[in-house]
Protein backbone atom coordinates (compact mmCIF):
# COMPACT_ATOMS: atom_id res chain seq x y z
CA MET A 1 38.87 10.70 -55.34
CA ASP A 2 37.48 13.53 -53.75
CA ALA A 3 36.18 13.76 -49.95
CA ALA A 4 32.29 12.60 -50.67
CA ALA A 5 33.51 9.32 -52.87
CA GLU A 6 35.76 8.58 -49.91
CA HIS A 7 33.20 8.86 -47.31
CA VAL A 8 30.64 6.58 -49.03
CA ALA A 9 33.37 4.17 -49.92
CA ALA A 10 34.40 4.05 -46.37
CA ALA A 11 30.68 3.40 -45.43
CA SER A 12 30.10 0.61 -48.05
CA GLU A 13 33.05 -0.97 -46.52
CA ALA A 14 31.75 -0.67 -43.03
CA GLU A 15 28.70 -2.22 -44.00
CA ARG A 16 30.02 -5.06 -45.97
CA GLU A 17 32.54 -5.54 -42.68
CA ILE A 18 29.18 -6.23 -40.35
CA PRO A 19 28.21 -9.81 -40.51
CA ARG A 20 24.30 -10.49 -42.26
CA ASP A 21 22.94 -12.24 -39.07
CA SER A 22 24.17 -8.72 -37.06
CA LEU A 23 22.45 -6.08 -39.48
CA ASP A 24 19.54 -8.85 -39.09
CA ARG A 25 19.42 -8.68 -35.31
CA MET A 26 19.64 -4.93 -35.43
CA THR A 27 16.46 -4.39 -37.77
CA THR A 28 13.96 -7.10 -35.73
CA GLY A 29 15.26 -5.89 -32.59
CA ARG A 30 14.14 -2.33 -33.64
CA ARG A 31 11.29 -3.27 -34.76
CA ARG A 32 10.17 -5.49 -31.90
CA SER A 33 10.88 -1.61 -29.69
CA LEU A 34 8.75 -0.09 -32.36
CA ILE A 35 6.20 -2.28 -32.00
CA GLY A 36 6.71 -2.37 -28.16
CA ALA A 37 6.22 1.33 -27.95
CA TYR A 38 3.36 0.88 -29.99
CA ALA A 39 1.55 -1.66 -27.16
CA THR A 40 2.55 0.47 -24.59
CA PHE A 41 1.06 3.81 -26.15
CA ALA A 42 -2.02 1.70 -26.57
CA LEU A 43 -2.75 0.51 -23.61
CA PHE A 44 -1.87 3.46 -21.72
CA THR A 45 -5.07 4.95 -23.86
CA ALA A 46 -6.82 2.11 -22.82
CA LEU A 47 -6.33 2.27 -19.16
CA ALA A 48 -5.99 6.20 -19.22
CA GLY A 49 -8.63 7.41 -21.60
CA GLN A 50 -10.15 10.19 -18.87
CA PHE A 51 -6.00 11.09 -19.37
CA TRP A 52 -6.55 12.01 -22.38
CA ARG A 53 -10.19 13.63 -22.24
CA ASN A 54 -9.50 16.01 -19.70
CA LEU A 55 -6.27 16.83 -21.16
CA LEU A 56 -7.58 17.19 -24.80
CA GLY A 57 -11.25 16.88 -24.82
CA TRP A 58 -13.51 14.65 -26.46
CA TRP A 59 -12.20 15.68 -29.97
CA GLY A 60 -8.59 15.45 -28.70
CA PHE A 61 -9.43 12.08 -27.30
CA GLY A 62 -11.00 10.33 -30.47
CA ALA A 63 -7.42 11.65 -32.29
CA VAL A 64 -5.56 9.97 -30.24
CA VAL A 65 -7.94 6.72 -30.15
CA LEU A 66 -8.12 6.89 -33.96
CA VAL A 67 -4.05 6.86 -34.22
CA VAL A 68 -4.52 4.01 -31.84
CA VAL A 69 -6.77 1.79 -34.11
CA VAL A 70 -5.07 2.86 -37.27
CA GLY A 71 -1.81 1.41 -35.43
CA ALA A 72 -3.22 -1.84 -34.84
CA ILE A 73 -4.59 -2.44 -38.46
CA ALA A 74 -1.06 -1.30 -39.80
CA LEU A 75 0.25 -3.96 -37.07
CA ILE A 76 -1.98 -6.91 -38.10
CA VAL A 77 -1.18 -5.71 -41.79
CA ALA A 78 2.92 -5.45 -41.49
CA GLU A 79 3.12 -8.80 -38.95
CA LYS A 80 0.88 -11.06 -40.70
CA PRO A 81 0.22 -13.33 -37.63
CA ARG A 82 -1.41 -16.74 -38.39
CA TRP A 83 -4.97 -17.14 -37.46
CA SER A 84 -6.85 -20.41 -36.76
CA TRP A 85 -10.89 -20.14 -36.70
CA ARG A 86 -10.53 -22.93 -34.03
CA ARG A 87 -8.23 -21.02 -31.60
CA THR A 88 -10.82 -17.89 -31.73
CA PRO A 89 -12.96 -17.89 -28.52
CA LYS A 90 -16.58 -18.18 -30.29
CA SER A 91 -18.40 -16.35 -27.22
CA THR A 92 -16.05 -13.22 -28.61
CA ILE A 93 -17.64 -13.18 -32.02
CA ALA A 94 -21.40 -14.20 -30.66
CA PHE A 95 -21.16 -11.36 -28.34
CA LEU A 96 -20.04 -8.65 -30.59
CA ALA A 97 -22.57 -10.48 -33.75
CA ILE A 98 -25.41 -9.61 -30.93
CA ALA A 99 -24.25 -5.75 -30.01
CA THR A 100 -23.81 -5.45 -33.90
CA LEU A 101 -26.99 -6.62 -34.11
CA SER A 102 -28.82 -4.79 -31.52
CA ILE A 103 -28.70 -2.06 -33.73
CA ALA A 104 -32.08 -3.50 -35.50
CA TRP A 105 -34.13 -3.08 -32.51
CA SER A 106 -32.41 -0.58 -30.06
CA PHE A 107 -34.36 2.07 -28.44
CA TYR A 108 -31.52 4.30 -29.58
CA PRO A 109 -29.98 3.20 -32.71
CA ALA A 110 -27.51 5.62 -33.55
CA ALA A 111 -25.90 5.44 -30.17
CA SER A 112 -25.97 2.11 -30.55
CA ALA A 113 -24.09 2.51 -33.86
CA LEU A 114 -21.56 4.55 -32.01
CA GLY A 115 -21.16 2.35 -29.03
CA VAL A 116 -21.05 -0.85 -31.03
CA THR A 117 -18.20 0.87 -33.31
CA LEU A 118 -16.15 1.56 -29.92
CA THR A 119 -16.55 -1.68 -28.31
CA VAL A 120 -15.69 -3.31 -32.34
CA ALA A 121 -12.33 -1.03 -32.12
CA ALA A 122 -11.51 -1.72 -28.57
CA SER A 123 -11.69 -5.64 -29.47
CA LEU A 124 -9.53 -5.48 -32.42
CA LEU A 125 -6.59 -3.52 -30.26
CA ALA A 126 -6.95 -6.35 -27.99
CA VAL A 127 -6.75 -9.07 -30.56
CA ALA A 128 -4.35 -7.49 -32.93
CA LEU A 129 -1.69 -7.24 -29.52
CA VAL A 130 -2.78 -11.11 -28.80
CA LEU A 131 -1.52 -12.18 -32.40
CA CYS A 132 1.25 -9.80 -33.25
CA LEU A 133 2.53 -9.95 -29.71
CA THR A 134 4.09 -13.14 -27.30
CA TRP A 135 2.50 -13.15 -23.75
CA THR A 136 5.18 -12.39 -22.62
CA ARG A 137 5.65 -9.21 -24.79
CA PHE A 138 2.62 -8.15 -23.89
CA VAL A 139 3.01 -8.48 -20.07
CA ARG A 140 5.72 -6.45 -20.58
CA ALA A 141 4.05 -3.37 -22.35
CA LEU A 142 1.32 -3.49 -20.01
CA GLY A 143 3.67 -3.18 -17.11
CA ALA A 144 5.49 -0.53 -19.09
CA ALA A 145 1.91 1.33 -19.58
CA ILE A 146 1.26 0.91 -15.78
CA LYS A 147 4.36 2.33 -15.01
CA TRP A 148 3.67 5.31 -16.78
CA ILE A 149 0.01 5.64 -15.14
CA LEU A 150 1.16 5.41 -11.96
CA GLY A 151 4.61 7.76 -12.51
CA LEU A 152 2.51 10.15 -14.06
CA SER A 153 -0.62 10.13 -11.24
CA LEU A 154 1.93 10.86 -8.68
CA ALA A 155 3.74 13.41 -10.50
CA PHE A 156 -0.09 15.26 -11.34
CA GLU A 157 -1.07 14.90 -8.37
CA LEU A 158 2.17 16.67 -6.61
CA TRP A 159 2.11 19.38 -8.99
CA VAL A 160 -1.35 19.89 -8.31
CA ALA A 161 -0.72 20.00 -4.32
CA ILE A 162 2.12 22.40 -5.07
CA PHE A 163 0.90 24.93 -7.34
CA VAL A 164 -2.91 24.53 -7.17
CA GLN A 165 -3.08 23.86 -3.38
CA GLY A 166 -6.70 22.95 -4.17
CA PRO A 167 -9.34 21.19 -6.34
CA LEU A 168 -8.53 21.11 -10.12
CA LEU A 169 -10.71 20.81 -12.97
CA PRO A 170 -10.01 19.50 -16.94
CA ASN A 171 -8.93 21.09 -19.36
CA PHE A 172 -11.98 20.55 -21.37
CA PRO A 173 -14.75 20.21 -19.25
CA ASP A 174 -17.80 18.50 -20.85
CA PHE A 175 -20.32 19.81 -18.53
CA GLU A 176 -21.00 23.53 -17.88
CA VAL A 177 -18.71 25.60 -15.00
CA THR A 178 -20.65 28.17 -12.92
CA GLY A 179 -20.43 30.19 -10.68
CA GLU A 180 -21.94 27.99 -7.86
CA LYS A 181 -20.09 25.02 -5.92
CA LEU A 182 -19.63 22.10 -8.40
CA PRO A 183 -19.47 18.27 -7.22
CA MET A 184 -16.41 16.90 -6.68
CA ALA A 185 -17.10 14.24 -8.93
CA PHE A 186 -16.46 16.96 -11.78
CA TYR A 187 -12.86 17.81 -10.98
CA TRP A 188 -10.11 16.22 -12.29
CA SER A 189 -7.90 16.32 -8.72
CA ARG A 190 -8.94 17.13 -5.63
CA GLY A 191 -5.83 18.23 -4.39
CA LEU A 192 -5.30 15.96 -1.35
CA LEU A 193 -1.77 14.60 -1.41
CA PHE A 194 -0.53 16.07 1.59
CA GLU A 195 -3.49 15.23 3.49
CA GLY A 196 -2.61 11.61 2.60
CA GLY A 197 -5.70 11.49 -0.24
CA PRO A 198 -7.89 10.04 -1.63
CA ILE A 199 -5.96 10.99 -5.00
CA GLU A 200 -7.68 10.64 -8.33
CA GLY A 201 -4.65 10.75 -10.60
CA ILE A 202 -4.54 11.13 -14.29
CA VAL A 203 -7.22 9.15 -14.29
CA ALA A 204 -9.47 11.20 -12.52
CA SER A 205 -10.89 8.56 -10.44
CA ARG A 206 -9.71 6.80 -7.44
CA ASN A 207 -11.20 3.84 -8.31
CA LEU A 208 -9.60 3.20 -11.73
CA LEU A 209 -6.60 4.90 -10.17
CA ALA A 210 -6.55 1.80 -7.09
CA MET A 211 -7.31 -0.65 -10.39
CA GLY A 212 -4.13 0.56 -12.02
CA ALA A 213 -2.25 0.21 -8.80
CA LEU A 214 -3.57 -3.03 -8.32
CA LEU A 215 -2.62 -4.35 -11.87
CA GLY A 216 0.72 -3.15 -11.25
CA LEU A 217 0.68 -5.04 -7.99
CA ILE A 218 0.02 -8.24 -10.10
CA VAL A 219 2.06 -7.81 -12.96
CA PHE A 220 5.20 -6.48 -11.31
CA GLY A 221 5.21 -8.94 -8.51
CA THR A 222 4.95 -11.62 -10.64
CA MET A 223 7.55 -10.48 -13.23
CA LEU A 224 9.97 -9.58 -10.24
CA ALA A 225 9.26 -13.60 -9.33
CA ALA A 226 9.97 -14.75 -12.66
CA GLY A 227 12.88 -13.19 -12.71
CA SER A 228 12.22 -11.16 -15.92
CA VAL A 229 12.85 -7.55 -14.29
CA ARG A 230 15.63 -6.28 -12.30
CA ARG A 231 15.39 -7.04 -8.92
CA ALA A 232 15.63 -3.12 -7.70
CA GLN A 233 13.69 -1.89 -9.96
CA GLY A 234 10.71 -4.56 -9.75
CA ILE A 235 10.85 -3.76 -6.19
CA GLY A 236 10.70 0.01 -6.56
CA TRP A 237 7.57 -0.54 -8.76
CA LEU A 238 6.08 -2.73 -6.69
CA VAL A 239 6.73 0.16 -3.58
CA VAL A 240 5.10 2.44 -6.04
CA SER A 241 1.83 0.13 -7.15
CA GLY A 242 1.60 -0.21 -2.75
CA LEU A 243 1.64 3.60 -1.84
CA VAL A 244 -1.02 4.83 -4.92
CA PHE A 245 -3.28 2.28 -4.31
CA VAL A 246 -3.06 3.34 0.24
CA LEU A 247 -3.42 6.63 -0.99
CA THR A 248 -6.26 6.51 -3.43
CA ARG A 249 -8.45 4.81 -0.41
CA SER A 250 -10.72 2.87 -2.40
CA ALA A 251 -12.94 0.39 -0.66
CA THR A 252 -13.62 -1.29 -3.99
CA ALA A 253 -10.78 -1.87 -4.92
CA ILE A 254 -9.15 -2.74 -1.10
CA LEU A 255 -12.28 -5.99 -1.59
CA VAL A 256 -10.89 -6.66 -4.94
CA ALA A 257 -7.70 -7.21 -4.06
CA ALA A 258 -8.69 -9.60 -1.21
CA ILE A 259 -10.24 -11.35 -3.83
CA VAL A 260 -6.95 -11.41 -5.84
CA LEU A 261 -5.04 -12.54 -2.69
CA VAL A 262 -7.57 -15.66 -2.18
CA ALA A 263 -7.37 -16.66 -5.55
CA LEU A 264 -3.74 -16.78 -5.90
CA GLY A 265 -3.92 -18.86 -2.09
CA PHE A 266 -6.36 -21.28 -3.90
CA VAL A 267 -3.41 -21.56 -7.03
CA ALA A 268 -0.89 -22.32 -4.61
CA TRP A 269 -2.43 -24.97 -3.01
CA ALA A 270 -3.44 -26.60 -6.37
CA ARG A 271 -0.57 -26.46 -7.59
CA ARG A 272 1.41 -28.01 -4.38
CA VAL A 273 -1.07 -31.18 -4.60
CA GLY A 274 -1.05 -31.44 -7.94
CA ALA A 275 -3.68 -32.62 -10.23
CA GLU A 276 -4.94 -36.05 -9.18
CA ARG A 277 -6.08 -34.11 -5.41
CA ARG A 278 -7.40 -31.08 -6.26
CA ARG A 279 -11.06 -32.09 -5.79
CA GLY A 280 -10.18 -30.99 -2.32
CA VAL A 281 -9.23 -27.41 -3.49
CA TYR A 282 -12.74 -27.06 -5.60
CA TRP A 283 -14.66 -28.18 -2.49
CA ALA A 284 -12.98 -25.61 -0.08
CA ALA A 285 -13.42 -22.99 -2.96
CA ALA A 286 -17.04 -23.59 -2.65
CA ALA A 287 -17.02 -23.58 1.02
CA VAL A 288 -15.11 -20.05 1.20
CA LEU A 289 -17.83 -18.78 -1.53
CA ALA A 290 -20.78 -20.07 0.89
CA ALA A 291 -19.30 -18.34 4.23
CA SER A 292 -18.05 -15.40 2.21
CA LEU A 293 -21.89 -14.37 1.26
CA THR A 294 -22.97 -15.35 4.58
CA LEU A 295 -20.85 -13.09 6.56
CA LEU A 296 -21.41 -10.41 4.22
CA LEU A 297 -25.17 -10.68 4.74
CA ALA A 298 -24.74 -10.92 8.83
CA PHE A 299 -21.93 -8.29 9.19
CA TRP A 300 -23.04 -5.63 5.98
CA ASN A 301 -23.78 -2.81 8.26
CA ALA A 302 -20.24 -3.13 9.95
CA LEU A 303 -18.55 -3.71 6.65
CA LEU A 304 -19.56 -0.54 5.23
CA ASP A 305 -18.89 1.12 8.52
CA ALA A 306 -15.46 -0.21 8.09
CA PHE A 307 -15.15 1.06 4.43
CA GLY A 308 -16.72 4.73 5.39
CA LYS A 309 -19.87 3.61 2.74
CA SER A 310 -23.26 4.60 3.01
CA GLU A 311 -25.98 2.06 3.49
CA ASP A 312 -26.96 2.32 -0.45
CA LEU A 313 -23.14 2.02 -0.74
CA THR A 314 -22.98 5.43 -2.59
CA GLY A 315 -26.14 5.11 -4.26
CA ARG A 316 -25.35 1.97 -6.12
CA PHE A 317 -28.27 0.77 -4.68
CA ASP A 318 -30.60 3.41 -6.43
CA ILE A 319 -28.83 2.69 -9.72
CA TRP A 320 -29.24 -0.84 -9.56
CA ASN A 321 -33.15 -0.71 -9.26
CA ALA A 322 -33.49 1.58 -12.08
CA VAL A 323 -31.35 -0.33 -14.22
CA ILE A 324 -33.55 -3.86 -13.23
CA GLY A 325 -36.34 -1.70 -13.93
CA LEU A 326 -35.22 -1.38 -17.14
CA ALA A 327 -34.07 -4.53 -18.06
CA VAL A 328 -37.71 -6.30 -17.15
CA GLU A 329 -39.29 -4.31 -19.62
CA ARG A 330 -37.15 -5.83 -22.47
CA PRO A 331 -35.73 -8.98 -20.84
CA TRP A 332 -34.81 -11.20 -23.61
CA PHE A 333 -32.85 -8.92 -26.03
CA GLY A 334 -32.53 -5.72 -24.07
CA TRP A 335 -32.80 -1.76 -25.18
CA GLY A 336 -29.71 -2.17 -27.56
CA TRP A 337 -25.85 -2.17 -27.25
CA VAL A 338 -24.28 1.38 -26.39
CA GLY A 339 -21.19 0.47 -23.54
CA TYR A 340 -21.38 3.90 -22.43
CA TRP A 341 -24.57 5.81 -21.37
CA VAL A 342 -24.99 8.52 -23.41
CA PRO A 343 -26.68 11.26 -21.98
CA TRP A 344 -28.79 12.68 -24.74
CA VAL A 345 -30.63 10.08 -25.39
CA GLN A 346 -33.50 8.45 -23.36
CA PRO A 347 -33.64 6.07 -21.26
CA PHE A 348 -30.03 7.25 -19.61
CA ASP A 349 -30.56 10.75 -20.32
CA GLY A 350 -31.59 11.52 -16.21
CA LEU A 351 -31.41 7.33 -15.29
CA ALA A 352 -28.76 7.94 -12.45
CA VAL A 353 -28.34 11.27 -10.54
CA ARG A 354 -26.80 11.71 -7.54
CA LYS A 355 -26.10 14.50 -5.56
CA GLY A 356 -25.90 16.60 -8.95
CA VAL A 357 -23.55 14.38 -10.83
CA GLN A 358 -25.50 11.86 -13.68
CA TYR A 359 -23.47 8.66 -13.50
CA LEU A 360 -22.75 6.64 -16.84
CA GLN A 361 -22.62 3.31 -15.96
CA ALA A 362 -25.01 1.14 -14.30
CA HIS A 363 -22.17 0.57 -11.62
CA ASN A 364 -22.30 -3.57 -12.06
CA ALA A 365 -21.33 -5.13 -15.17
CA TRP A 366 -23.72 -7.93 -15.38
CA LEU A 367 -26.99 -5.75 -14.75
CA ASP A 368 -25.42 -3.15 -17.73
CA VAL A 369 -25.17 -5.95 -20.18
CA TRP A 370 -28.58 -7.43 -18.89
CA MET A 371 -30.20 -3.84 -19.45
CA GLN A 372 -28.78 -3.39 -22.80
CA LEU A 373 -28.41 -6.49 -24.44
CA GLY A 374 -30.91 -8.75 -22.38
CA ALA A 375 -30.79 -12.79 -21.18
CA LEU A 376 -28.71 -12.98 -24.65
CA GLY A 377 -26.27 -10.92 -24.20
CA VAL A 378 -25.77 -12.13 -20.63
CA ILE A 379 -25.07 -15.32 -21.62
CA ALA A 380 -22.59 -14.37 -24.62
CA PHE A 381 -21.10 -12.08 -22.51
CA ALA A 382 -20.72 -14.67 -19.26
CA SER A 383 -19.47 -17.41 -21.72
CA ILE A 384 -16.36 -14.93 -22.52
CA VAL A 385 -15.99 -14.37 -18.53
CA ILE A 386 -16.53 -18.06 -17.81
CA GLY A 387 -14.41 -19.40 -20.76
CA ALA A 388 -11.25 -17.16 -20.17
CA LEU A 389 -11.87 -18.08 -16.05
CA TRP A 390 -11.56 -21.63 -17.02
CA ARG A 391 -8.57 -21.87 -19.14
CA SER A 392 -6.48 -19.22 -17.17
CA TRP A 393 -6.95 -21.39 -14.20
CA PHE A 394 -5.53 -24.45 -15.49
CA LEU A 395 -3.01 -22.64 -17.25
CA ALA A 396 -1.61 -21.23 -13.50
CA VAL A 397 -2.18 -24.55 -12.17
CA ASP A 398 -1.19 -27.03 -14.70
CA ARG A 399 2.66 -27.59 -14.55
CA PRO A 400 3.95 -27.08 -18.23
CA LYS A 401 5.48 -29.15 -20.30
CA ASP A 402 8.33 -29.26 -22.49
CA ALA A 403 8.11 -31.23 -26.34
CA THR A 404 8.72 -34.38 -25.31
CA GLY A 405 6.42 -34.48 -22.46
CA ARG A 406 8.60 -33.87 -19.95
CA PRO A 407 7.49 -31.76 -16.86
CA LEU A 408 9.07 -27.80 -16.61
CA PRO A 409 8.85 -25.76 -13.45
CA TYR A 410 5.89 -23.71 -12.62
CA SER A 411 6.20 -20.21 -13.94
CA ALA A 412 4.64 -17.08 -11.92
CA ALA A 413 4.06 -15.68 -15.08
CA SER A 414 1.46 -17.93 -16.14
CA LEU A 415 -0.28 -16.38 -13.21
CA VAL A 416 -1.19 -13.03 -14.57
CA PRO A 417 -3.83 -14.04 -16.86
CA LEU A 418 -5.70 -15.51 -13.84
CA LEU A 419 -5.03 -13.20 -11.47
CA VAL A 420 -5.94 -10.26 -13.76
CA LEU A 421 -9.32 -11.67 -14.74
CA VAL A 422 -10.03 -12.47 -11.14
CA ALA A 423 -9.55 -8.32 -10.49
CA LEU A 424 -11.94 -7.69 -13.55
CA ILE A 425 -14.21 -9.98 -12.28
CA GLY A 426 -14.24 -8.60 -8.62
CA GLN A 427 -14.62 -5.31 -10.13
CA SER A 428 -17.67 -5.88 -12.28
CA LEU A 429 -19.73 -6.33 -9.31
CA ALA A 430 -18.98 -2.74 -8.52
CA GLU A 431 -17.87 -1.03 -11.61
CA SER A 432 -19.00 -1.78 -15.41
CA ARG A 433 -15.34 -0.53 -16.72
CA ILE A 434 -15.12 -4.29 -17.62
CA LEU A 435 -17.54 -3.42 -20.94
CA VAL A 436 -15.33 -0.69 -21.83
CA GLU A 437 -12.23 1.19 -22.59
CA GLY A 438 -9.28 -1.31 -20.90
CA GLY A 439 -11.35 -3.54 -18.86
CA TRP A 440 -12.46 -4.71 -22.56
CA VAL A 441 -8.75 -4.68 -23.77
CA LEU A 442 -7.88 -6.98 -21.11
CA LEU A 443 -10.88 -9.44 -20.70
CA ILE A 444 -10.55 -10.00 -24.63
CA ALA A 445 -6.76 -10.39 -24.79
CA ILE A 446 -6.93 -12.93 -22.11
CA ALA A 447 -9.85 -14.35 -23.26
CA TRP A 448 -7.86 -14.73 -27.03
CA SER A 449 -4.43 -15.47 -25.50
CA THR A 450 -5.79 -18.74 -23.36
CA LYS A 451 -7.32 -20.27 -26.25
CA ARG A 452 -4.21 -19.85 -28.14
CA ARG A 453 -2.34 -21.35 -25.87
CA GLN A 454 -4.94 -23.96 -25.10
CA TRP A 455 -3.88 -25.20 -28.81
CA GLU A 456 -0.20 -24.50 -29.45
CA PRO A 457 1.88 -23.60 -26.04
CA GLU A 458 4.06 -20.47 -26.12
CA PRO A 459 7.57 -20.83 -25.98
CA VAL A 460 8.98 -17.64 -23.89
CA PRO A 461 11.19 -15.98 -26.27
CA ALA A 462 14.57 -15.04 -26.34
CA GLU A 463 15.58 -11.30 -26.02
CA PRO A 464 17.48 -10.68 -29.00
CA ALA A 465 21.59 -10.51 -28.54
CA PRO A 466 23.09 -6.99 -28.86
CA VAL A 467 25.38 -6.60 -31.36
CA PRO A 468 28.94 -5.77 -30.17
CA ALA A 469 30.52 -2.38 -30.75
CA SER A 470 33.01 -3.86 -32.11
CA ARG A 471 31.27 -5.44 -34.75
CA LEU A 472 29.86 -2.04 -35.97
CA ARG A 473 32.74 0.36 -36.17
CA PRO A 474 33.79 1.20 -39.18
CA PRO A 475 37.73 0.37 -40.20
CA GLY A 476 39.48 2.99 -39.89
CA ASN A 477 38.07 4.85 -36.78
CA ASP A 478 40.18 2.77 -34.48
CA ARG A 479 41.98 5.53 -32.78
């Protein structure tokens, strides 16, 4: 027998020596790793779309999005997840149907068709991840995506501060670069890391970067409390998230973080008193909401001074007034869904311009939906948010039970849907990001995941045990 034949025979003998269950675990482990890598990349793209646009331009970004969408379809085809109509949030279907039908009455049908396509693609991604991954694996992938965003942002800002030593423009600017001084909002980074910020990171926006850091605080904090991450690693990423959050100096994110902390406090209270004595929790929540609105009105100017904001909230009042003016012209069905505002069509051309910068959102998701889809769209959107919030609340405060109905200890992981959703809702009052890209993906993922758990509790999966090296070593290689 020649050397090649001996090698083949030895390999075949080695395969026979490996138990079938070990091979199955190896295959399952590789499959899980591949799906986890895809989910991380997809969530990174959803949360950091501006990174790809600044790095590769709109065509490059489109190619990346195409890869993500094809991957979502391939994931569904490969995993063949179970699907049930009764476990489907009907509000999501209603909103997408209204957005699609709006093309028929849209003032800008071509732009609406593009906007609907992007919204459906983001919805497809969210649904694919929820159907094919457990919530535990989804949160791990989300945490990994946030790590990449925060880590790359700090490295990027350090590189700009050391080597560029000034503002840095995108690689593919979608505006004309002239000899005149450009507004700072056009720059990818201002290069202010060594001055203590504000920093914009790879997402080119301190508000978006701050939101990513806040999501990191929520995800890493709950993972650390649940014991699903090594203690040193969890604390390390909490520190990174806190550092980035501080360096962004985002007033919007600070207020959103305060709302999240209040929600966390009420969850802890509701868990402590139990299901039978929560009436006081709900009355207190209503009182806190009323008191907050009263104090906000009474100390409005002092609050603006504290956060360094102008009296019109950095031009938001002008934008809101313009959006409301358009909404009342078509109050019931709106001007047509578009998601992102497209500046090359009316009425978006010149609708929101401040200091030479044309903004492409209403800076309030609820006003944005009203303008685009009218009162009908607001009802559908509110149904998505309120339904997801309702289910997330009871998922967080109700004690879980095993198959026999015996109470189980509370899980820190069950806090993630509620706290992330509260953060998204808080952000929606000053930004429209919940309607596009990462905001929409997270909203739909929470809506679908909590609906599925409402009907069928989802067990926390055990990680596949690694195959011992001794079981994999071919015979005759012991020396």
